[in-house]
Amino acid sequence: MTSEALLTWARGPGFDLALAIFVLGMLLRLFEILSLGNKPDLAEGRGSGVVGGLKTIITRNWPRGTVFAREPVRIINGYVFHLGFFIVLFFYGPHIELFQTKLGLSWPGLPTGVIDAVAVITVASLVLALVMRLTSPVLKQISSVGDYVAWAATLLPVLTGYLAYNHMLVPYTQMLALHLLSVELLLIVAPFTKLTHMFSFVLSRWYQGYQAGHRGIES
């Protein structure tokens, strides 16, 4: 298969297939979470579960002071690659055009030079995250194959996108095809790894906050 044919497949049937797996897989995982249910809370209500749930969703966006004091580099790095990935995904011009084609939604993008710099920072941050995972006895012990698969699936779209934009390593058409295939890999593996947290974190925070709020305690 030529690079042009691979790119055509990746832009068409390949992307549609990966997107269908992503959507159906995520819906299935969310259904599994919601169908678990929860045991009736027989304790007398001392506060608002709704307020507690909403508060926890918001306040868990930053760490407790005691936790940050123990691992400031790992925590800051986590914010860096999450924010960097978000910026590259949603504020790069061609990506916005894709969202407009698929969803009919559009918004202003950032200059390509900014996106290029953010991509470099994001790749470096993800590499640092892997190094810290491999060198920390605790993180290394609790890491599974799925963690490393999720890491690779997150890194590859950013890395190949950077290489394609800068015309590095291989011809542009070939690298662009590899970039699209890496995006499709991410879409396919996301519902079956810890990457499901991109959606499930809201449910878990809501549940914990609701329970704590109902009992009148801090989550």
N, C-alpha and C. Protein backbone atom coordinates (compact mmCIF):
# COMPACT_ATOMS: atom_id res chain seq x y z
N MET A 1 0.85 -1.20 0.00
CA MET A 1 0.00 0.00 0.00
C MET A 1 0.88 1.25 0.00
N THR A 2 0.59 2.17 -0.89
CA THR A 2 1.36 3.41 -0.95
C THR A 2 0.98 4.34 0.21
N SER A 3 1.83 5.34 0.44
CA SER A 3 1.56 6.31 1.51
C SER A 3 0.26 7.05 1.24
N GLU A 4 0.01 7.36 -0.03
CA GLU A 4 -1.22 8.08 -0.38
C GLU A 4 -2.46 7.23 -0.11
N ALA A 5 -2.37 5.94 -0.46
CA ALA A 5 -3.51 5.05 -0.21
C ALA A 5 -3.73 4.86 1.28
N LEU A 6 -2.63 4.75 2.04
CA LEU A 6 -2.76 4.59 3.50
C LEU A 6 -3.37 5.83 4.12
N LEU A 7 -2.96 6.99 3.63
CA LEU A 7 -3.51 8.24 4.15
C LEU A 7 -5.00 8.35 3.84
N THR A 8 -5.37 7.96 2.63
CA THR A 8 -6.79 8.00 2.25
C THR A 8 -7.62 7.08 3.13
N TRP A 9 -7.10 5.88 3.39
CA TRP A 9 -7.82 4.94 4.27
C TRP A 9 -7.92 5.48 5.69
N ALA A 10 -6.80 6.05 6.19
CA ALA A 10 -6.79 6.57 7.56
C ALA A 10 -7.74 7.74 7.71
N ARG A 11 -7.86 8.56 6.67
CA ARG A 11 -8.76 9.71 6.74
C ARG A 11 -10.23 9.31 6.62
N GLY A 12 -10.49 8.18 5.98
CA GLY A 12 -11.87 7.76 5.73
C GLY A 12 -12.32 6.61 6.59
N PRO A 13 -12.31 5.38 6.06
CA PRO A 13 -12.82 4.22 6.80
C PRO A 13 -12.10 3.97 8.12
N GLY A 14 -10.79 4.17 8.15
CA GLY A 14 -10.05 3.93 9.38
C GLY A 14 -10.50 4.82 10.51
N PHE A 15 -10.65 6.11 10.21
CA PHE A 15 -11.08 7.05 11.24
C PHE A 15 -12.51 6.77 11.69
N ASP A 16 -13.39 6.50 10.73
CA ASP A 16 -14.78 6.22 11.07
C ASP A 16 -14.90 4.98 11.96
N LEU A 17 -14.11 3.95 11.65
CA LEU A 17 -14.13 2.72 12.45
C LEU A 17 -13.63 2.99 13.86
N ALA A 18 -12.50 3.70 13.96
CA ALA A 18 -11.93 4.00 15.28
C ALA A 18 -12.88 4.86 16.11
N LEU A 19 -13.51 5.83 15.46
CA LEU A 19 -14.45 6.70 16.18
C LEU A 19 -15.65 5.92 16.68
N ALA A 20 -16.14 4.97 15.87
CA ALA A 20 -17.28 4.15 16.30
C ALA A 20 -16.91 3.29 17.50
N ILE A 21 -15.70 2.70 17.47
CA ILE A 21 -15.24 1.90 18.61
C ILE A 21 -15.11 2.76 19.85
N PHE A 22 -14.60 3.97 19.68
CA PHE A 22 -14.42 4.88 20.81
C PHE A 22 -15.77 5.23 21.44
N VAL A 23 -16.72 5.65 20.62
CA VAL A 23 -18.02 6.07 21.14
C VAL A 23 -18.75 4.90 21.80
N LEU A 24 -18.82 3.77 21.11
CA LEU A 24 -19.52 2.62 21.67
C LEU A 24 -18.81 2.09 22.91
N GLY A 25 -17.48 2.07 22.86
CA GLY A 25 -16.72 1.59 24.02
C GLY A 25 -16.90 2.47 25.23
N MET A 26 -16.88 3.78 25.03
CA MET A 26 -17.06 4.70 26.15
C MET A 26 -18.47 4.61 26.72
N LEU A 27 -19.45 4.50 25.84
CA LEU A 27 -20.83 4.36 26.32
C LEU A 27 -20.99 3.08 27.13
N LEU A 28 -20.35 2.00 26.67
CA LEU A 28 -20.41 0.74 27.40
C LEU A 28 -19.75 0.86 28.76
N ARG A 29 -18.58 1.49 28.82
CA ARG A 29 -17.89 1.64 30.10
C ARG A 29 -18.69 2.51 31.07
N LEU A 30 -19.26 3.60 30.56
CA LEU A 30 -20.08 4.46 31.42
C LEU A 30 -21.34 3.74 31.89
N PHE A 31 -21.92 2.92 31.00
CA PHE A 31 -23.07 2.13 31.40
C PHE A 31 -22.70 1.14 32.50
N GLU A 32 -21.53 0.53 32.38
CA GLU A 32 -21.06 -0.40 33.41
C GLU A 32 -20.91 0.31 34.75
N ILE A 33 -20.35 1.52 34.71
CA ILE A 33 -20.15 2.27 35.96
C ILE A 33 -21.49 2.63 36.59
N LEU A 34 -22.41 3.14 35.77
CA LEU A 34 -23.71 3.55 36.30
C LEU A 34 -24.55 2.38 36.76
N SER A 35 -24.38 1.21 36.13
CA SER A 35 -25.18 0.05 36.49
C SER A 35 -24.70 -0.62 37.76
N LEU A 36 -23.53 -0.21 38.26
CA LEU A 36 -23.05 -0.78 39.52
C LEU A 36 -23.97 -0.42 40.67
N GLY A 37 -24.56 0.77 40.55
CA GLY A 37 -25.48 1.20 41.60
C GLY A 37 -24.72 1.51 42.88
N ASN A 38 -25.44 1.80 43.92
CA ASN A 38 -24.83 2.03 45.23
C ASN A 38 -25.81 1.63 46.32
N LYS A 39 -25.24 1.23 47.44
CA LYS A 39 -26.05 0.79 48.56
C LYS A 39 -26.80 1.98 49.16
N PRO A 40 -28.01 1.77 49.62
CA PRO A 40 -28.77 2.86 50.25
C PRO A 40 -28.00 3.42 51.45
N ASP A 41 -27.94 4.73 51.53
CA ASP A 41 -27.29 5.38 52.66
C ASP A 41 -28.33 5.59 53.75
N LEU A 42 -28.22 4.79 54.81
CA LEU A 42 -29.21 4.84 55.88
C LEU A 42 -28.91 5.92 56.91
N ALA A 43 -27.73 6.56 56.75
CA ALA A 43 -27.37 7.60 57.71
C ALA A 43 -28.26 8.83 57.50
N GLU A 44 -28.55 9.50 58.59
CA GLU A 44 -29.36 10.70 58.51
C GLU A 44 -28.59 11.79 57.78
N GLY A 45 -29.26 12.44 56.82
CA GLY A 45 -28.61 13.50 56.06
C GLY A 45 -28.26 14.69 56.92
N ARG A 46 -27.00 15.15 56.78
CA ARG A 46 -26.57 16.32 57.54
C ARG A 46 -26.13 17.46 56.63
N GLY A 47 -26.30 17.28 55.35
CA GLY A 47 -25.89 18.31 54.40
C GLY A 47 -26.48 18.02 53.03
N SER A 48 -26.02 18.75 52.05
CA SER A 48 -26.52 18.61 50.69
C SER A 48 -25.58 17.75 49.86
N GLY A 49 -26.12 16.63 49.37
CA GLY A 49 -25.32 15.77 48.52
C GLY A 49 -25.00 16.42 47.19
N VAL A 50 -25.96 17.18 46.65
CA VAL A 50 -25.75 17.86 45.36
C VAL A 50 -24.63 18.88 45.47
N VAL A 51 -24.66 19.68 46.52
CA VAL A 51 -23.62 20.69 46.72
C VAL A 51 -22.26 20.00 46.90
N GLY A 52 -22.26 18.92 47.68
CA GLY A 52 -21.02 18.19 47.90
C GLY A 52 -20.47 17.61 46.62
N GLY A 53 -21.36 17.08 45.77
CA GLY A 53 -20.92 16.51 44.49
C GLY A 53 -20.32 17.55 43.58
N LEU A 54 -21.01 18.68 43.43
CA LEU A 54 -20.50 19.75 42.56
C LEU A 54 -19.20 20.33 43.10
N LYS A 55 -19.12 20.47 44.41
CA LYS A 55 -17.92 21.02 45.03
C LYS A 55 -16.72 20.11 44.78
N THR A 56 -16.93 18.81 44.90
CA THR A 56 -15.83 17.87 44.72
C THR A 56 -15.35 17.84 43.27
N ILE A 57 -16.27 17.92 42.33
CA ILE A 57 -15.89 17.95 40.92
C ILE A 57 -14.95 19.11 40.65
N ILE A 58 -15.21 20.25 41.28
CA ILE A 58 -14.39 21.45 41.06
C ILE A 58 -13.10 21.41 41.86
N THR A 59 -13.20 21.11 43.16
CA THR A 59 -12.02 21.22 44.02
C THR A 59 -10.98 20.14 43.76
N ARG A 60 -11.38 19.01 43.19
CA ARG A 60 -10.40 17.95 42.90
C ARG A 60 -9.53 18.29 41.68
N ASN A 61 -9.76 19.45 41.08
CA ASN A 61 -8.91 19.86 39.97
C ASN A 61 -7.52 20.29 40.43
N TRP A 62 -7.36 20.50 41.72
CA TRP A 62 -6.02 20.80 42.24
C TRP A 62 -5.80 19.97 43.50
N PRO A 63 -4.54 19.62 43.79
CA PRO A 63 -4.25 18.70 44.89
C PRO A 63 -4.29 19.37 46.25
N ARG A 64 -4.43 18.53 47.25
CA ARG A 64 -4.32 19.04 48.62
C ARG A 64 -2.88 19.47 48.86
N GLY A 65 -2.71 20.46 49.75
CA GLY A 65 -1.38 20.99 50.02
C GLY A 65 -0.40 19.95 50.51
N THR A 66 -0.87 19.04 51.36
CA THR A 66 0.03 18.01 51.90
C THR A 66 0.50 17.05 50.82
N VAL A 67 -0.39 16.74 49.87
CA VAL A 67 -0.01 15.85 48.77
C VAL A 67 0.97 16.54 47.84
N PHE A 68 0.70 17.81 47.53
CA PHE A 68 1.58 18.55 46.63
C PHE A 68 2.98 18.70 47.23
N ALA A 69 3.05 18.88 48.55
CA ALA A 69 4.34 19.06 49.20
C ALA A 69 5.22 17.82 49.07
N ARG A 70 4.59 16.64 48.97
CA ARG A 70 5.36 15.40 48.87
C ARG A 70 5.87 15.15 47.46
N GLU A 71 5.08 15.50 46.44
CA GLU A 71 5.46 15.19 45.06
C GLU A 71 5.15 16.36 44.13
N PRO A 72 5.77 17.50 44.33
CA PRO A 72 5.43 18.67 43.51
C PRO A 72 5.75 18.49 42.03
N VAL A 73 6.88 17.86 41.72
CA VAL A 73 7.28 17.71 40.31
C VAL A 73 6.31 16.82 39.56
N ARG A 74 5.95 15.69 40.15
CA ARG A 74 5.03 14.76 39.48
C ARG A 74 3.66 15.40 39.28
N ILE A 75 3.19 16.14 40.26
CA ILE A 75 1.87 16.75 40.16
C ILE A 75 1.86 17.87 39.12
N ILE A 76 2.87 18.75 39.17
CA ILE A 76 2.95 19.83 38.17
C ILE A 76 3.08 19.24 36.77
N ASN A 77 3.89 18.21 36.64
CA ASN A 77 4.07 17.58 35.32
C ASN A 77 2.75 16.99 34.81
N GLY A 78 1.94 16.47 35.70
CA GLY A 78 0.64 15.94 35.29
C GLY A 78 -0.25 17.03 34.70
N TYR A 79 -0.23 18.20 35.31
CA TYR A 79 -0.99 19.33 34.76
C TYR A 79 -0.43 19.73 33.39
N VAL A 80 0.90 19.71 33.26
CA VAL A 80 1.53 20.16 32.02
C VAL A 80 1.11 19.31 30.83
N PHE A 81 1.21 17.97 30.96
CA PHE A 81 0.88 17.17 29.78
C PHE A 81 -0.62 17.07 29.53
N HIS A 82 -1.43 17.16 30.57
CA HIS A 82 -2.88 17.19 30.33
C HIS A 82 -3.29 18.48 29.61
N LEU A 83 -2.78 19.61 30.10
CA LEU A 83 -3.12 20.90 29.47
C LEU A 83 -2.53 20.99 28.07
N GLY A 84 -1.29 20.51 27.92
CA GLY A 84 -0.65 20.55 26.61
C GLY A 84 -1.41 19.73 25.58
N PHE A 85 -1.81 18.53 25.96
CA PHE A 85 -2.57 17.67 25.04
C PHE A 85 -3.89 18.36 24.67
N PHE A 86 -4.55 18.97 25.64
CA PHE A 86 -5.82 19.65 25.40
C PHE A 86 -5.63 20.79 24.39
N ILE A 87 -4.58 21.59 24.57
CA ILE A 87 -4.34 22.73 23.68
C ILE A 87 -4.05 22.26 22.26
N VAL A 88 -3.18 21.26 22.12
CA VAL A 88 -2.83 20.76 20.79
C VAL A 88 -4.06 20.17 20.10
N LEU A 89 -4.88 19.45 20.84
CA LEU A 89 -6.05 18.80 20.25
C LEU A 89 -7.10 19.80 19.81
N PHE A 90 -7.39 20.78 20.65
CA PHE A 90 -8.55 21.64 20.40
C PHE A 90 -8.22 23.01 19.80
N PHE A 91 -6.95 23.39 19.72
CA PHE A 91 -6.65 24.74 19.24
C PHE A 91 -5.69 24.77 18.05
N TYR A 92 -5.45 23.63 17.43
CA TYR A 92 -4.67 23.59 16.20
C TYR A 92 -5.64 23.68 15.02
N GLY A 93 -5.36 24.57 14.09
CA GLY A 93 -6.28 24.87 12.99
C GLY A 93 -6.86 23.66 12.28
N PRO A 94 -6.03 22.73 11.76
CA PRO A 94 -6.56 21.56 11.07
C PRO A 94 -7.45 20.68 11.96
N HIS A 95 -7.16 20.64 13.25
CA HIS A 95 -8.01 19.88 14.16
C HIS A 95 -9.38 20.54 14.28
N ILE A 96 -9.38 21.86 14.36
CA ILE A 96 -10.65 22.59 14.45
C ILE A 96 -11.48 22.35 13.18
N GLU A 97 -10.80 22.32 12.04
CA GLU A 97 -11.50 22.04 10.78
C GLU A 97 -12.13 20.65 10.79
N LEU A 98 -11.44 19.69 11.41
CA LEU A 98 -12.00 18.34 11.52
C LEU A 98 -13.24 18.33 12.38
N PHE A 99 -13.20 19.04 13.52
CA PHE A 99 -14.37 19.13 14.39
C PHE A 99 -15.54 19.80 13.66
N GLN A 100 -15.21 20.79 12.85
CA GLN A 100 -16.26 21.48 12.10
C GLN A 100 -16.89 20.54 11.08
N THR A 101 -16.06 19.72 10.44
CA THR A 101 -16.57 18.77 9.44
C THR A 101 -17.43 17.70 10.09
N LYS A 102 -16.98 17.18 11.23
CA LYS A 102 -17.68 16.06 11.87
C LYS A 102 -18.84 16.50 12.75
N LEU A 103 -18.67 17.65 13.43
CA LEU A 103 -19.67 18.07 14.42
C LEU A 103 -20.35 19.39 14.09
N GLY A 104 -19.83 20.10 13.11
CA GLY A 104 -20.41 21.39 12.78
C GLY A 104 -20.05 22.49 13.76
N LEU A 105 -19.00 22.26 14.57
CA LEU A 105 -18.58 23.23 15.58
C LEU A 105 -17.22 23.81 15.20
N SER A 106 -17.05 25.10 15.47
CA SER A 106 -15.79 25.75 15.14
C SER A 106 -15.49 26.83 16.16
N TRP A 107 -14.21 27.15 16.36
CA TRP A 107 -13.79 28.18 17.30
C TRP A 107 -12.42 28.66 16.88
N PRO A 108 -11.97 29.80 17.39
CA PRO A 108 -10.65 30.33 17.00
C PRO A 108 -9.53 29.42 17.47
N GLY A 109 -8.49 29.30 16.64
CA GLY A 109 -7.33 28.49 17.00
C GLY A 109 -6.18 29.36 17.45
N LEU A 110 -5.07 28.71 17.77
CA LEU A 110 -3.85 29.41 18.16
C LEU A 110 -2.85 29.38 17.01
N PRO A 111 -1.90 30.31 16.98
CA PRO A 111 -0.88 30.30 15.93
C PRO A 111 -0.13 28.96 15.92
N THR A 112 0.25 28.54 14.72
CA THR A 112 0.91 27.24 14.61
C THR A 112 2.22 27.19 15.37
N GLY A 113 2.90 28.34 15.48
CA GLY A 113 4.14 28.37 16.26
C GLY A 113 3.91 28.05 17.72
N VAL A 114 2.79 28.55 18.25
CA VAL A 114 2.43 28.26 19.65
C VAL A 114 2.11 26.78 19.82
N ILE A 115 1.32 26.23 18.89
CA ILE A 115 0.97 24.82 18.95
C ILE A 115 2.22 23.95 18.85
N ASP A 116 3.15 24.34 17.99
CA ASP A 116 4.39 23.60 17.82
C ASP A 116 5.18 23.56 19.13
N ALA A 117 5.27 24.71 19.80
CA ALA A 117 5.99 24.78 21.07
C ALA A 117 5.30 23.96 22.15
N VAL A 118 3.98 24.05 22.20
CA VAL A 118 3.22 23.29 23.19
C VAL A 118 3.38 21.79 22.96
N ALA A 119 3.45 21.37 21.69
CA ALA A 119 3.64 19.96 21.38
C ALA A 119 4.98 19.47 21.92
N VAL A 120 6.03 20.27 21.75
CA VAL A 120 7.35 19.89 22.26
C VAL A 120 7.30 19.74 23.78
N ILE A 121 6.69 20.70 24.45
CA ILE A 121 6.58 20.67 25.91
C ILE A 121 5.78 19.45 26.35
N THR A 122 4.71 19.13 25.62
CA THR A 122 3.86 17.99 25.97
C THR A 122 4.61 16.67 25.82
N VAL A 123 5.35 16.52 24.74
CA VAL A 123 6.15 15.31 24.53
C VAL A 123 7.18 15.16 25.65
N ALA A 124 7.88 16.26 25.96
CA ALA A 124 8.88 16.22 27.02
C ALA A 124 8.24 15.86 28.36
N SER A 125 7.07 16.41 28.62
CA SER A 125 6.36 16.14 29.87
C SER A 125 5.95 14.67 29.96
N LEU A 126 5.49 14.10 28.85
CA LEU A 126 5.09 12.69 28.85
C LEU A 126 6.30 11.78 29.04
N VAL A 127 7.42 12.14 28.45
CA VAL A 127 8.65 11.36 28.65
C VAL A 127 9.07 11.43 30.12
N LEU A 128 8.99 12.62 30.71
CA LEU A 128 9.32 12.76 32.13
C LEU A 128 8.38 11.92 32.99
N ALA A 129 7.11 11.88 32.63
CA ALA A 129 6.15 11.07 33.38
C ALA A 129 6.54 9.60 33.35
N LEU A 130 7.00 9.13 32.19
CA LEU A 130 7.44 7.73 32.09
C LEU A 130 8.68 7.49 32.93
N VAL A 131 9.63 8.40 32.88
CA VAL A 131 10.86 8.26 33.67
C VAL A 131 10.54 8.19 35.16
N MET A 132 9.65 9.06 35.62
CA MET A 132 9.28 9.05 37.04
C MET A 132 8.56 7.76 37.41
N ARG A 133 7.75 7.24 36.49
CA ARG A 133 7.06 5.98 36.76
C ARG A 133 8.05 4.82 36.87
N LEU A 134 9.06 4.81 36.02
CA LEU A 134 10.02 3.72 36.00
C LEU A 134 11.03 3.80 37.15
N THR A 135 11.27 5.01 37.66
CA THR A 135 12.27 5.17 38.71
C THR A 135 11.67 5.23 40.11
N SER A 136 10.35 5.35 40.20
CA SER A 136 9.70 5.36 41.51
C SER A 136 9.32 3.93 41.89
N PRO A 137 9.85 3.41 42.99
CA PRO A 137 9.51 2.04 43.39
C PRO A 137 8.01 1.82 43.56
N VAL A 138 7.33 2.81 44.11
CA VAL A 138 5.89 2.68 44.35
C VAL A 138 5.13 2.68 43.03
N LEU A 139 5.39 3.69 42.18
CA LEU A 139 4.68 3.78 40.90
C LEU A 139 4.98 2.57 40.01
N LYS A 140 6.23 2.14 40.03
CA LYS A 140 6.61 0.99 39.20
C LYS A 140 5.88 -0.27 39.67
N GLN A 141 5.71 -0.41 40.97
CA GLN A 141 5.05 -1.59 41.52
C GLN A 141 3.57 -1.64 41.16
N ILE A 142 2.91 -0.50 41.16
CA ILE A 142 1.46 -0.49 40.91
C ILE A 142 1.11 -0.31 39.44
N SER A 143 2.11 -0.13 38.59
CA SER A 143 1.85 0.06 37.16
C SER A 143 1.57 -1.27 36.48
N SER A 144 0.65 -1.24 35.54
CA SER A 144 0.29 -2.42 34.76
C SER A 144 0.63 -2.20 33.29
N VAL A 145 0.49 -3.24 32.50
CA VAL A 145 0.72 -3.11 31.07
C VAL A 145 -0.20 -2.05 30.48
N GLY A 146 -1.43 -2.00 30.98
CA GLY A 146 -2.39 -1.03 30.49
C GLY A 146 -1.94 0.40 30.69
N ASP A 147 -1.20 0.67 31.78
CA ASP A 147 -0.69 2.01 32.03
C ASP A 147 0.31 2.43 30.95
N TYR A 148 1.17 1.49 30.56
CA TYR A 148 2.17 1.81 29.55
C TYR A 148 1.53 1.90 28.16
N VAL A 149 0.51 1.10 27.90
CA VAL A 149 -0.22 1.21 26.64
C VAL A 149 -0.91 2.57 26.55
N ALA A 150 -1.53 3.00 27.64
CA ALA A 150 -2.20 4.31 27.66
C ALA A 150 -1.19 5.43 27.46
N TRP A 151 -0.01 5.29 28.07
CA TRP A 151 1.04 6.31 27.90
C TRP A 151 1.48 6.40 26.44
N ALA A 152 1.75 5.26 25.83
CA ALA A 152 2.20 5.25 24.43
C ALA A 152 1.11 5.78 23.50
N ALA A 153 -0.12 5.39 23.76
CA ALA A 153 -1.23 5.85 22.90
C ALA A 153 -1.46 7.35 23.03
N THR A 154 -1.09 7.93 24.16
CA THR A 154 -1.21 9.37 24.36
C THR A 154 -0.04 10.11 23.71
N LEU A 155 1.15 9.55 23.83
CA LEU A 155 2.35 10.19 23.28
C LEU A 155 2.36 10.23 21.76
N LEU A 156 2.03 9.10 21.12
CA LEU A 156 2.23 8.97 19.68
C LEU A 156 1.50 10.02 18.84
N PRO A 157 0.23 10.35 19.12
CA PRO A 157 -0.41 11.38 18.30
C PRO A 157 0.30 12.74 18.37
N VAL A 158 0.76 13.12 19.56
CA VAL A 158 1.44 14.40 19.70
C VAL A 158 2.79 14.36 18.99
N LEU A 159 3.53 13.28 19.18
CA LEU A 159 4.86 13.16 18.57
C LEU A 159 4.78 13.11 17.05
N THR A 160 3.90 12.26 16.52
CA THR A 160 3.80 12.15 15.06
C THR A 160 3.22 13.41 14.44
N GLY A 161 2.33 14.09 15.16
CA GLY A 161 1.81 15.35 14.66
C GLY A 161 2.90 16.40 14.56
N TYR A 162 3.76 16.45 15.57
CA TYR A 162 4.90 17.38 15.54
C TYR A 162 5.84 17.05 14.39
N LEU A 163 6.15 15.77 14.21
CA LEU A 163 7.05 15.35 13.14
C LEU A 163 6.45 15.64 11.77
N ALA A 164 5.15 15.42 11.63
CA ALA A 164 4.50 15.69 10.34
C ALA A 164 4.53 17.18 10.03
N TYR A 165 4.19 18.01 11.00
CA TYR A 165 4.16 19.45 10.77
C TYR A 165 5.53 19.99 10.38
N ASN A 166 6.57 19.44 10.97
CA ASN A 166 7.93 19.92 10.72
C ASN A 166 8.65 19.12 9.63
N HIS A 167 7.92 18.20 8.96
CA HIS A 167 8.47 17.43 7.84
C HIS A 167 9.77 16.71 8.25
N MET A 168 9.68 15.93 9.31
CA MET A 168 10.86 15.25 9.85
C MET A 168 10.75 13.73 9.70
N LEU A 169 11.91 13.08 9.59
CA LEU A 169 12.12 11.63 9.57
C LEU A 169 11.69 10.96 8.26
N VAL A 170 10.43 11.10 7.89
CA VAL A 170 9.94 10.45 6.68
C VAL A 170 9.15 11.48 5.87
N PRO A 171 8.82 11.17 4.59
CA PRO A 171 8.03 12.11 3.79
C PRO A 171 6.72 12.50 4.48
N TYR A 172 6.29 13.73 4.22
CA TYR A 172 5.13 14.31 4.92
C TYR A 172 3.89 13.42 4.83
N THR A 173 3.58 12.92 3.63
CA THR A 173 2.37 12.12 3.45
C THR A 173 2.41 10.87 4.32
N GLN A 174 3.57 10.24 4.40
CA GLN A 174 3.71 9.03 5.20
C GLN A 174 3.57 9.34 6.69
N MET A 175 4.21 10.43 7.13
CA MET A 175 4.13 10.79 8.55
C MET A 175 2.71 11.22 8.92
N LEU A 176 2.03 11.92 8.02
CA LEU A 176 0.65 12.33 8.30
C LEU A 176 -0.25 11.11 8.43
N ALA A 177 -0.01 10.10 7.58
CA ALA A 177 -0.77 8.86 7.70
C ALA A 177 -0.49 8.18 9.03
N LEU A 178 0.78 8.17 9.44
CA LEU A 178 1.13 7.57 10.74
C LEU A 178 0.50 8.35 11.88
N HIS A 179 0.42 9.68 11.72
CA HIS A 179 -0.22 10.50 12.75
C HIS A 179 -1.69 10.13 12.89
N LEU A 180 -2.39 10.03 11.78
CA LEU A 180 -3.81 9.67 11.83
C LEU A 180 -4.01 8.28 12.40
N LEU A 181 -3.14 7.35 12.03
CA LEU A 181 -3.24 5.99 12.58
C LEU A 181 -2.99 5.98 14.08
N SER A 182 -2.08 6.83 14.55
CA SER A 182 -1.83 6.89 15.99
C SER A 182 -3.02 7.49 16.73
N VAL A 183 -3.70 8.45 16.10
CA VAL A 183 -4.92 9.00 16.69
C VAL A 183 -6.00 7.92 16.78
N GLU A 184 -6.10 7.13 15.72
CA GLU A 184 -7.09 6.05 15.70
C GLU A 184 -6.76 4.98 16.73
N LEU A 185 -5.46 4.74 16.94
CA LEU A 185 -5.06 3.81 18.00
C LEU A 185 -5.51 4.32 19.36
N LEU A 186 -5.34 5.61 19.58
CA LEU A 186 -5.78 6.22 20.84
C LEU A 186 -7.28 6.06 21.03
N LEU A 187 -8.04 6.32 19.97
CA LEU A 187 -9.49 6.19 20.06
C LEU A 187 -9.91 4.76 20.38
N ILE A 188 -9.18 3.79 19.82
CA ILE A 188 -9.55 2.38 20.01
C ILE A 188 -9.21 1.89 21.41
N VAL A 189 -8.03 2.27 21.93
CA VAL A 189 -7.61 1.74 23.23
C VAL A 189 -8.21 2.51 24.40
N ALA A 190 -8.63 3.77 24.18
CA ALA A 190 -9.11 4.60 25.28
C ALA A 190 -10.21 3.96 26.12
N PRO A 191 -11.25 3.36 25.50
CA PRO A 191 -12.32 2.80 26.33
C PRO A 191 -11.90 1.58 27.15
N PHE A 192 -10.75 1.00 26.84
CA PHE A 192 -10.36 -0.25 27.47
C PHE A 192 -9.13 -0.09 28.37
N THR A 193 -8.75 1.16 28.64
CA THR A 193 -7.63 1.45 29.53
C THR A 193 -8.07 2.53 30.52
N LYS A 194 -7.12 2.98 31.33
CA LYS A 194 -7.42 4.02 32.30
C LYS A 194 -7.70 5.37 31.65
N LEU A 195 -7.56 5.44 30.33
CA LEU A 195 -7.90 6.67 29.62
C LEU A 195 -9.40 6.96 29.69
N THR A 196 -10.18 6.01 30.15
CA THR A 196 -11.60 6.26 30.36
C THR A 196 -11.83 7.38 31.37
N HIS A 197 -10.78 7.72 32.13
CA HIS A 197 -10.95 8.78 33.13
C HIS A 197 -11.26 10.13 32.50
N MET A 198 -11.06 10.26 31.17
CA MET A 198 -11.41 11.53 30.52
C MET A 198 -12.89 11.84 30.66
N PHE A 199 -13.70 10.81 30.91
CA PHE A 199 -15.13 11.00 31.16
C PHE A 199 -15.54 10.53 32.56
N SER A 200 -14.99 9.41 32.99
CA SER A 200 -15.46 8.80 34.24
C SER A 200 -15.05 9.59 35.48
N PHE A 201 -14.05 10.49 35.34
CA PHE A 201 -13.62 11.24 36.52
C PHE A 201 -14.77 12.09 37.09
N VAL A 202 -15.64 12.56 36.21
CA VAL A 202 -16.76 13.37 36.68
C VAL A 202 -17.71 12.54 37.53
N LEU A 203 -17.99 11.32 37.09
CA LEU A 203 -18.89 10.43 37.84
C LEU A 203 -18.29 10.05 39.18
N SER A 204 -16.99 9.71 39.20
CA SER A 204 -16.38 9.28 40.46
C SER A 204 -16.31 10.43 41.46
N ARG A 205 -15.98 11.62 40.98
CA ARG A 205 -15.93 12.77 41.87
C ARG A 205 -17.33 13.11 42.40
N TRP A 206 -18.31 13.04 41.51
CA TRP A 206 -19.68 13.34 41.93
C TRP A 206 -20.13 12.37 43.01
N TYR A 207 -19.86 11.08 42.82
CA TYR A 207 -20.29 10.07 43.78
C TYR A 207 -19.65 10.31 45.15
N GLN A 208 -18.33 10.50 45.14
CA GLN A 208 -17.63 10.71 46.41
C GLN A 208 -18.11 11.99 47.09
N GLY A 209 -18.25 13.05 46.29
CA GLY A 209 -18.69 14.32 46.87
C GLY A 209 -20.12 14.27 47.36
N TYR A 210 -20.98 13.58 46.62
CA TYR A 210 -22.39 13.47 47.02
C TYR A 210 -22.51 12.73 48.35
N GLN A 211 -21.79 11.62 48.48
CA GLN A 211 -21.84 10.85 49.72
C GLN A 211 -21.33 11.66 50.89
N ALA A 212 -20.20 12.35 50.68
CA ALA A 212 -19.64 13.16 51.77
C ALA A 212 -20.55 14.34 52.11
N GLY A 213 -21.09 15.00 51.08
CA GLY A 213 -21.97 16.13 51.32
C GLY A 213 -23.22 15.73 52.07
N HIS A 214 -23.78 14.57 51.72
CA HIS A 214 -24.97 14.08 52.40
C HIS A 214 -24.71 13.84 53.87
N ARG A 215 -23.50 13.41 54.19
CA ARG A 215 -23.15 13.11 55.59
C ARG A 215 -22.59 14.34 56.31
N GLY A 216 -22.41 15.44 55.58
CA GLY A 216 -21.94 16.66 56.20
C GLY A 216 -20.45 16.66 56.49
N ILE A 217 -19.66 15.93 55.69
CA ILE A 217 -18.22 15.86 55.89
C ILE A 217 -17.52 16.28 54.60
N GLU A 218 -16.22 16.55 54.71
CA GLU A 218 -15.41 16.92 53.56
C GLU A 218 -15.01 15.67 52.80
N SER A 219 -15.08 15.75 51.46
CA SER A 219 -14.68 14.58 50.64
C SER A 219 -13.17 14.57 50.42
